[in-house]
Amino acid sequence: MGPRQVKKWKQAAVVLLALYPTVLVLNELFGWLLPEDTPYLLAVLIGNIAGVAILSWILMPRLTGWLDRWLRR
């Protein structure tokens, strides 16, 4: 028997677990780092690039490793 499929709702829950605090921290951080006159769309793009990088290479690999047994139940 091969590896069990991960349920979509569990995948979504892990993404939310990582995404919500990441967005909160990045919003605060960029509020301090970016000049006030930074265009909104540029600020959103920079935040999205940073968020995707943090989620893809730091948080999601760790979370999915730590939660693997729960994800595959």
N, C-alpha and C. Protein backbone atom coordinates (compact mmCIF):
# COMPACT_ATOMS: atom_id res chain seq x y z
N MET A 1 0.85 -1.18 0.00
CA MET A 1 0.00 0.00 0.00
C MET A 1 0.89 1.24 0.00
N GLY A 2 0.63 2.19 -0.90
CA GLY A 2 1.42 3.41 -1.02
C GLY A 2 1.02 4.44 0.02
N PRO A 3 1.67 5.59 -0.04
CA PRO A 3 1.34 6.65 0.90
C PRO A 3 -0.10 7.13 0.73
N ARG A 4 -0.73 7.44 1.86
CA ARG A 4 -2.13 7.90 1.81
C ARG A 4 -2.19 9.32 1.30
N GLN A 5 -3.26 9.62 0.58
CA GLN A 5 -3.50 10.98 0.10
C GLN A 5 -3.82 11.90 1.26
N VAL A 6 -3.33 13.12 1.18
CA VAL A 6 -3.63 14.12 2.19
C VAL A 6 -4.96 14.78 1.83
N LYS A 7 -5.83 14.90 2.81
CA LYS A 7 -7.13 15.54 2.57
C LYS A 7 -6.93 17.03 2.32
N LYS A 8 -7.71 17.56 1.40
CA LYS A 8 -7.58 18.97 1.03
C LYS A 8 -7.80 19.89 2.21
N TRP A 9 -8.75 19.57 3.09
CA TRP A 9 -9.01 20.46 4.21
C TRP A 9 -7.83 20.51 5.17
N LYS A 10 -7.08 19.40 5.27
CA LYS A 10 -5.90 19.39 6.12
C LYS A 10 -4.78 20.22 5.49
N GLN A 11 -4.64 20.11 4.17
CA GLN A 11 -3.66 20.94 3.48
C GLN A 11 -3.98 22.41 3.69
N ALA A 12 -5.25 22.77 3.54
CA ALA A 12 -5.67 24.15 3.71
C ALA A 12 -5.42 24.62 5.14
N ALA A 13 -5.66 23.77 6.12
CA ALA A 13 -5.44 24.14 7.52
C ALA A 13 -3.96 24.42 7.80
N VAL A 14 -3.08 23.61 7.23
CA VAL A 14 -1.64 23.82 7.44
C VAL A 14 -1.19 25.11 6.74
N VAL A 15 -1.69 25.36 5.55
CA VAL A 15 -1.36 26.61 4.85
C VAL A 15 -1.83 27.81 5.67
N LEU A 16 -3.03 27.76 6.20
CA LEU A 16 -3.54 28.87 7.02
C LEU A 16 -2.70 29.02 8.29
N LEU A 17 -2.31 27.91 8.90
CA LEU A 17 -1.48 27.95 10.09
C LEU A 17 -0.16 28.68 9.82
N ALA A 18 0.39 28.51 8.63
CA ALA A 18 1.64 29.18 8.27
C ALA A 18 1.41 30.59 7.73
N LEU A 19 0.35 30.75 6.94
CA LEU A 19 0.13 32.01 6.23
C LEU A 19 -0.28 33.15 7.15
N TYR A 20 -1.20 32.90 8.06
CA TYR A 20 -1.74 33.97 8.91
C TYR A 20 -0.65 34.69 9.71
N PRO A 21 0.16 33.98 10.49
CA PRO A 21 1.20 34.71 11.23
C PRO A 21 2.26 35.33 10.32
N THR A 22 2.53 34.70 9.18
CA THR A 22 3.50 35.25 8.24
C THR A 22 3.03 36.61 7.73
N VAL A 23 1.78 36.70 7.33
CA VAL A 23 1.23 37.95 6.83
C VAL A 23 1.24 39.02 7.92
N LEU A 24 0.86 38.65 9.14
CA LEU A 24 0.86 39.62 10.24
C LEU A 24 2.27 40.18 10.49
N VAL A 25 3.24 39.30 10.55
CA VAL A 25 4.63 39.74 10.81
C VAL A 25 5.14 40.58 9.65
N LEU A 26 4.91 40.15 8.42
CA LEU A 26 5.40 40.91 7.27
C LEU A 26 4.75 42.28 7.19
N ASN A 27 3.46 42.38 7.49
CA ASN A 27 2.80 43.68 7.47
C ASN A 27 3.43 44.64 8.47
N GLU A 28 3.71 44.15 9.67
CA GLU A 28 4.36 44.99 10.67
C GLU A 28 5.78 45.37 10.23
N LEU A 29 6.53 44.37 9.75
CA LEU A 29 7.91 44.60 9.36
C LEU A 29 8.00 45.60 8.21
N PHE A 30 7.18 45.41 7.20
CA PHE A 30 7.24 46.31 6.05
C PHE A 30 6.68 47.69 6.38
N GLY A 31 5.82 47.76 7.38
CA GLY A 31 5.36 49.06 7.85
C GLY A 31 6.51 49.90 8.37
N TRP A 32 7.51 49.24 8.96
CA TRP A 32 8.69 49.93 9.47
C TRP A 32 9.74 50.14 8.38
N LEU A 33 9.88 49.17 7.47
CA LEU A 33 10.99 49.21 6.51
C LEU A 33 10.70 50.00 5.24
N LEU A 34 9.49 49.93 4.75
CA LEU A 34 9.17 50.60 3.49
C LEU A 34 8.81 52.06 3.74
N PRO A 35 9.26 52.94 2.86
CA PRO A 35 8.87 54.35 3.01
C PRO A 35 7.35 54.50 2.91
N GLU A 36 6.82 55.49 3.58
CA GLU A 36 5.37 55.71 3.59
C GLU A 36 4.79 55.97 2.21
N ASP A 37 5.61 56.51 1.31
CA ASP A 37 5.09 56.83 -0.02
C ASP A 37 5.25 55.68 -1.01
N THR A 38 5.57 54.48 -0.53
CA THR A 38 5.66 53.31 -1.41
C THR A 38 4.28 53.04 -1.99
N PRO A 39 4.17 52.95 -3.30
CA PRO A 39 2.86 52.65 -3.90
C PRO A 39 2.28 51.35 -3.34
N TYR A 40 0.99 51.36 -3.12
CA TYR A 40 0.30 50.23 -2.51
C TYR A 40 0.56 48.92 -3.26
N LEU A 41 0.40 48.95 -4.58
CA LEU A 41 0.57 47.72 -5.36
C LEU A 41 2.00 47.18 -5.27
N LEU A 42 2.97 48.08 -5.22
CA LEU A 42 4.36 47.64 -5.06
C LEU A 42 4.58 47.03 -3.68
N ALA A 43 4.01 47.64 -2.64
CA ALA A 43 4.14 47.10 -1.29
C ALA A 43 3.50 45.71 -1.19
N VAL A 44 2.35 45.54 -1.83
CA VAL A 44 1.68 44.23 -1.84
C VAL A 44 2.53 43.21 -2.58
N LEU A 45 3.11 43.59 -3.71
CA LEU A 45 3.97 42.69 -4.48
C LEU A 45 5.18 42.26 -3.65
N ILE A 46 5.83 43.21 -3.00
CA ILE A 46 6.99 42.90 -2.18
C ILE A 46 6.59 41.95 -1.04
N GLY A 47 5.47 42.24 -0.41
CA GLY A 47 4.98 41.37 0.67
C GLY A 47 4.66 39.97 0.18
N ASN A 48 4.06 39.87 -1.00
CA ASN A 48 3.73 38.55 -1.55
C ASN A 48 4.99 37.77 -1.92
N ILE A 49 5.97 38.45 -2.48
CA ILE A 49 7.23 37.77 -2.81
C ILE A 49 7.89 37.23 -1.55
N ALA A 50 7.96 38.07 -0.51
CA ALA A 50 8.56 37.64 0.75
C ALA A 50 7.75 36.50 1.38
N GLY A 51 6.43 36.63 1.37
CA GLY A 51 5.57 35.60 1.95
C GLY A 51 5.71 34.26 1.26
N VAL A 52 5.72 34.27 -0.06
CA VAL A 52 5.86 33.02 -0.82
C VAL A 52 7.21 32.38 -0.53
N ALA A 53 8.26 33.19 -0.49
CA ALA A 53 9.59 32.65 -0.20
C ALA A 53 9.64 32.03 1.20
N ILE A 54 9.11 32.74 2.19
CA ILE A 54 9.12 32.24 3.57
C ILE A 54 8.30 30.96 3.68
N LEU A 55 7.12 30.95 3.07
CA LEU A 55 6.28 29.76 3.13
C LEU A 55 6.90 28.58 2.40
N SER A 56 7.41 28.84 1.19
CA SER A 56 7.92 27.75 0.35
C SER A 56 9.19 27.10 0.88
N TRP A 57 10.11 27.92 1.37
CA TRP A 57 11.42 27.38 1.72
C TRP A 57 11.67 27.24 3.21
N ILE A 58 10.83 27.86 4.04
CA ILE A 58 11.08 27.79 5.48
C ILE A 58 9.94 27.09 6.21
N LEU A 59 8.75 27.68 6.16
CA LEU A 59 7.66 27.20 7.02
C LEU A 59 6.98 25.92 6.56
N MET A 60 6.57 25.86 5.30
CA MET A 60 5.81 24.69 4.86
C MET A 60 6.61 23.38 4.92
N PRO A 61 7.89 23.37 4.53
CA PRO A 61 8.62 22.10 4.68
C PRO A 61 8.68 21.63 6.14
N ARG A 62 8.88 22.57 7.07
CA ARG A 62 8.94 22.19 8.48
C ARG A 62 7.57 21.74 8.99
N LEU A 63 6.54 22.52 8.70
CA LEU A 63 5.20 22.17 9.18
C LEU A 63 4.72 20.84 8.63
N THR A 64 4.92 20.61 7.34
CA THR A 64 4.46 19.34 6.77
C THR A 64 5.25 18.17 7.33
N GLY A 65 6.53 18.39 7.66
CA GLY A 65 7.32 17.34 8.30
C GLY A 65 6.81 17.05 9.71
N TRP A 66 6.58 18.10 10.48
CA TRP A 66 6.10 17.93 11.86
C TRP A 66 4.70 17.34 11.92
N LEU A 67 3.86 17.69 10.93
CA LEU A 67 2.45 17.27 10.95
C LEU A 67 2.16 16.10 10.01
N ASP A 68 3.19 15.45 9.51
CA ASP A 68 3.02 14.40 8.50
C ASP A 68 2.07 13.30 8.95
N ARG A 69 2.22 12.81 10.17
CA ARG A 69 1.35 11.72 10.63
C ARG A 69 -0.11 12.15 10.65
N TRP A 70 -0.36 13.36 11.13
CA TRP A 70 -1.74 13.87 11.16
C TRP A 70 -2.26 14.09 9.74
N LEU A 71 -1.43 14.64 8.88
CA LEU A 71 -1.86 14.90 7.51
C LEU A 71 -2.27 13.63 6.78
N ARG A 72 -1.58 12.53 7.03
CA ARG A 72 -1.82 11.30 6.28
C ARG A 72 -2.84 10.37 6.95
N ARG A 73 -3.41 10.78 8.08
CA ARG A 73 -4.45 9.96 8.72
C ARG A 73 -5.75 10.10 7.99
